[in-house]
Amino acid sequence: MTYITVVEYDPQWVRDFEMIRDFVTPSLSDIVLAVEHIGSTSVPGLPAKPIVDIDVVVATRNDVQIAIEKLATLGYVHEGDLGIKGREAFIPPDKMPWHHLYVCTIDNAEFRRHIKFRDYLRNHPQVAKDYGELKLKLVKEFHNDHKAYTNGKTDFVEEILKQAGEKNKI
């Protein structure tokens, strides 16, 4: 059984993101449009699971395939879409800090939600504080139940996305 861990914000997450971005970008430089720090570790002051989430953004589905091949040369293991169409997930190389890396196209709905969610929290510190308090409450209640923890955040996340102008549900 794995336990969910949520910790107070750590500025090291930004440095980890920058190091990972700088590691992958040279190999993808001919196809990458952006490398974005997403998820709770990308919001200053927000408690989070201590795992950096990163979206690598490319223009076309063909570029996604090229990225899969190029990331393999760096030691990334492709996991497929993990149930989210159009977003490819990777296991990082052993020599890197553990992180979640995804590759998607610029028009991917999940990418759009990630950015809107992140930017809304960055621009609304009280909402981010409320979200952090909810996460800390849920992790105490559901520390060994990932599904219940995630489900406990759903209404809050959907409301943030609605406020951010995202019409599609997560």
Protein backbone atom coordinates (compact mmCIF):
# COMPACT_ATOMS: atom_id res chain seq x y z
CA MET A 1 0.00 0.00 0.00
CA THR A 2 1.34 3.43 -0.92
CA TYR A 3 0.52 6.47 1.12
CA ILE A 4 -0.23 9.85 -0.35
CA THR A 5 2.16 12.53 0.84
CA VAL A 6 1.35 16.22 0.64
CA VAL A 7 3.98 18.60 1.97
CA GLU A 8 4.34 22.36 2.35
CA TYR A 9 5.59 24.25 -0.70
CA ASP A 10 9.29 23.80 -1.47
CA PRO A 11 11.13 26.32 -3.71
CA GLN A 12 13.36 23.41 -4.78
CA TRP A 13 10.51 22.29 -7.05
CA VAL A 14 11.16 25.26 -9.34
CA ARG A 15 14.87 24.39 -9.52
CA ASP A 16 14.00 20.73 -10.23
CA PHE A 17 11.67 21.82 -13.04
CA GLU A 18 14.35 24.06 -14.54
CA MET A 19 16.95 21.28 -14.39
CA ILE A 20 14.57 18.78 -16.04
CA ARG A 21 13.50 21.34 -18.67
CA ASP A 22 17.15 22.06 -19.45
CA PHE A 23 17.82 18.31 -19.71
CA VAL A 24 15.04 17.53 -22.23
CA THR A 25 14.91 20.71 -24.31
CA PRO A 26 18.15 20.26 -26.31
CA SER A 27 17.00 16.88 -27.62
CA LEU A 28 13.58 18.26 -28.56
CA SER A 29 14.65 21.73 -29.74
CA ASP A 30 13.49 21.20 -33.34
CA ILE A 31 9.91 20.27 -32.31
CA VAL A 32 9.22 21.67 -28.84
CA LEU A 33 6.92 24.69 -28.52
CA ALA A 34 6.99 24.89 -24.73
CA VAL A 35 8.02 23.01 -21.61
CA GLU A 36 5.59 23.96 -18.85
CA HIS A 37 5.77 23.41 -15.09
CA ILE A 38 2.22 22.38 -14.15
CA GLY A 39 0.40 20.95 -11.17
CA SER A 40 0.57 22.04 -7.56
CA THR A 41 4.38 22.21 -7.41
CA SER A 42 4.17 25.04 -9.97
CA VAL A 43 2.13 27.31 -7.69
CA PRO A 44 4.22 29.24 -5.14
CA GLY A 45 3.10 28.56 -1.57
CA LEU A 46 0.79 25.66 -2.45
CA PRO A 47 1.18 22.38 -0.55
CA ALA A 48 1.70 19.50 -2.98
CA LYS A 49 2.70 15.93 -3.50
CA PRO A 50 6.47 16.40 -3.90
CA ILE A 51 6.55 15.36 -7.56
CA VAL A 52 7.13 17.92 -10.31
CA ASP A 53 4.67 17.67 -13.22
CA ILE A 54 5.78 18.82 -16.67
CA ASP A 55 4.00 19.18 -20.00
CA VAL A 56 6.19 19.13 -23.09
CA VAL A 57 4.19 20.78 -25.86
CA VAL A 58 4.63 20.13 -29.57
CA ALA A 59 2.65 21.17 -32.67
CA THR A 60 1.42 17.89 -34.19
CA ARG A 61 0.70 14.24 -33.41
CA ASN A 62 3.66 13.41 -35.64
CA ASP A 63 5.85 15.56 -33.38
CA VAL A 64 4.54 13.57 -30.39
CA GLN A 65 5.90 10.40 -32.00
CA ILE A 66 9.24 12.10 -32.65
CA ALA A 67 9.35 13.27 -29.03
CA ILE A 68 8.71 9.73 -27.79
CA GLU A 69 11.71 8.51 -29.79
CA LYS A 70 13.97 11.38 -28.72
CA LEU A 71 13.05 11.09 -25.03
CA ALA A 72 13.91 7.37 -25.19
CA THR A 73 17.48 8.33 -26.10
CA LEU A 74 17.62 10.28 -22.80
CA GLY A 75 16.42 7.27 -20.82
CA TYR A 76 12.70 8.09 -20.57
CA VAL A 77 10.34 5.11 -20.75
CA HIS A 78 7.11 5.71 -22.63
CA GLU A 79 4.03 4.57 -20.68
CA GLY A 80 1.34 5.41 -23.24
CA ASP A 81 -1.53 7.79 -22.60
CA LEU A 82 -2.55 6.30 -19.22
CA GLY A 83 -6.19 6.82 -20.19
CA ILE A 84 -5.91 10.47 -21.22
CA LYS A 85 -6.21 10.67 -25.01
CA GLY A 86 -3.59 12.80 -26.69
CA ARG A 87 -1.23 13.01 -23.72
CA GLU A 88 1.71 10.62 -23.55
CA ALA A 89 3.32 9.82 -20.17
CA PHE A 90 6.91 8.87 -19.35
CA ILE A 91 8.91 7.31 -16.53
CA PRO A 92 12.00 9.45 -15.96
CA PRO A 93 15.58 8.19 -16.20
CA ASP A 94 17.14 6.89 -12.97
CA LYS A 95 19.61 9.78 -12.79
CA MET A 96 16.84 12.41 -12.60
CA PRO A 97 14.63 13.44 -9.66
CA TRP A 98 11.33 11.60 -9.83
CA HIS A 99 8.84 13.60 -11.92
CA HIS A 100 5.84 13.19 -14.19
CA LEU A 101 6.59 14.16 -17.77
CA TYR A 102 3.88 14.32 -20.42
CA VAL A 103 4.02 15.14 -24.13
CA CYS A 104 0.99 16.60 -25.89
CA THR A 105 0.07 18.89 -28.75
CA ILE A 106 -0.60 22.58 -28.27
CA ASP A 107 -4.34 22.06 -28.89
CA ASN A 108 -4.70 19.26 -26.30
CA ALA A 109 -7.63 19.84 -23.90
CA GLU A 110 -5.75 18.44 -20.90
CA PHE A 111 -2.84 20.81 -21.53
CA ARG A 112 -5.25 23.74 -21.76
CA ARG A 113 -6.82 22.75 -18.40
CA HIS A 114 -3.39 22.39 -16.77
CA ILE A 115 -2.37 25.90 -17.80
CA LYS A 116 -5.69 27.52 -16.89
CA PHE A 117 -5.71 25.80 -13.49
CA ARG A 118 -2.10 26.73 -12.73
CA ASP A 119 -2.45 30.32 -13.87
CA TYR A 120 -5.70 30.83 -11.97
CA LEU A 121 -4.12 29.61 -8.73
CA ARG A 122 -1.02 31.73 -9.30
CA ASN A 123 -3.20 34.80 -9.80
CA HIS A 124 -5.62 34.11 -6.93
CA PRO A 125 -3.55 33.44 -3.78
CA GLN A 126 -6.59 33.03 -1.51
CA VAL A 127 -8.06 30.37 -3.81
CA ALA A 128 -4.66 28.63 -3.85
CA LYS A 129 -4.59 28.78 -0.04
CA ASP A 130 -8.10 27.27 0.12
CA TYR A 131 -7.07 24.55 -2.31
CA GLY A 132 -3.97 23.76 -0.25
CA GLU A 133 -6.06 23.49 2.91
CA LEU A 134 -8.46 21.13 1.13
CA LYS A 135 -5.56 18.95 -0.04
CA LEU A 136 -4.08 18.77 3.47
CA LYS A 137 -7.50 17.85 4.91
CA LEU A 138 -8.08 15.17 2.26
CA VAL A 139 -4.63 13.61 2.66
CA LYS A 140 -5.27 13.20 6.40
CA GLU A 141 -8.59 11.54 5.69
CA PHE A 142 -7.60 9.47 2.66
CA HIS A 143 -3.81 8.99 3.07
CA ASN A 144 -3.96 5.50 1.59
CA ASP A 145 -6.81 5.92 -0.93
CA HIS A 146 -5.67 7.74 -4.07
CA LYS A 147 -9.08 7.58 -5.72
CA ALA A 148 -10.90 9.09 -2.72
CA TYR A 149 -8.23 11.79 -2.37
CA THR A 150 -8.57 12.73 -6.04
CA ASN A 151 -12.35 12.56 -5.98
CA GLY A 152 -12.36 14.83 -2.95
CA LYS A 153 -10.67 17.55 -5.00
CA THR A 154 -12.85 17.22 -8.11
CA ASP A 155 -15.59 19.73 -7.30
CA PHE A 156 -13.05 22.35 -6.20
CA VAL A 157 -10.92 21.83 -9.33
CA GLU A 158 -13.96 21.98 -11.63
CA GLU A 159 -15.07 25.22 -9.98
CA ILE A 160 -11.60 26.74 -10.48
CA LEU A 161 -11.63 25.71 -14.14
CA LYS A 162 -15.12 27.19 -14.53
CA GLN A 163 -13.88 30.46 -13.00
CA ALA A 164 -10.89 30.33 -15.34
CA GLY A 165 -13.19 30.02 -18.33
CA GLU A 166 -12.75 26.30 -19.02
CA LYS A 167 -16.09 24.79 -20.05
CA ASN A 168 -15.06 21.12 -20.19
CA LYS A 169 -15.09 19.03 -17.05
CA ILE A 170 -11.93 17.28 -15.88
